[in-house]
Amino acid sequence: MEKFKVIIVEDVPLELKGTEGILRNDIPEAEIIGTAASEQAYWRLIKDHQPDLVLLDLGLGGSTTVGVEICRQTKQQFPAMKVLIFTGEVLNEKLWVDALDAGADGISLKSGELLTHDDVMSIMGGKRLQEALVGYEIDEYDERFLRHLALGYTKDQIAQLRGMPFGVKSLEKRQNELVQKLFPEGGRGSGINATRLVVRALELRILDIDNH
C-alpha cells in the first residue's frame, strides 16, 4: 500500500514518543506529518495539513469528552479522513460507545501490542472495524459473559452469578471461542485479553450499552 499521512494527537510526551516508535517500526507506510498536544494545537495543525489518518488519544488535558468532540467535528468536516482512537481508557465502556457514535473508524488500546499493522491497514483500506463481522450472532450467555467482562468482573466472579450456568473452565473455553470468531485473522495467539475482546464486541455492535 502507498504511504499515508498521519497526525498524532497525544498530550503525554512519553506516550507520544512510544506511539511514534510503533508507527515508524511496525507501520512503515505511515508518514507522521505532525503532532498535537491539545485541541487548539490540533485544529491549528489540521488547517494547514490534512492527513489521511488521525491517531487520537481521548484523554486530553484530563478530559475524555474533548477527544470524543474532536472525533465528531473531524468526521463532520472531513468525512473521508480516518480517525483511529488510541486510548488508555481500558475500562470505560460508555466512552468507547461515544467515540464510535462520533464516527471513529476503530479503537485501539494502549495496553499490550494493540496498535497493530493489520488493524491500521484495514482502516486505511476503508473498513470500519465494527463492520468486520456484519450479522454475527451470539447467544444470550455470550452476551452476558461479554457484558460482565466489560464491567470488570473476573471469570471467577462471573461463574458465581445466578443465570450463568458455567464454571471457570467453561468460561475460559467460551472466551477462547469468542476470540477465534471476533479476531479471525489474528485470534490464534495469546495476545488478545478480555479487555480487547470487549472492545471488539463493542466495535462490532455485538454489545450495545444502551440495551441492557
Foldseek 3Di string as FASTA:
>chain_A
DAAWEEEEEAQDVVVVVVVVVCCVPAPVSYDYPYYHQAPVRVVVVCVVDPTQEYAFEQQHPNHNVSRLVSLLVCCVVPVRRAYEYEYQPLQDLVSLLSSVVSPHLAYFYPPFPTPHNVVVVCVSVPHRLLQPDPPDADDPLLQVLLVVVSNVDDLCRVCPDPPNVDHSVVSVVVVLVLLCVLVVPPSPDPRQDSSNSSRSCVSNVVHDPVPD
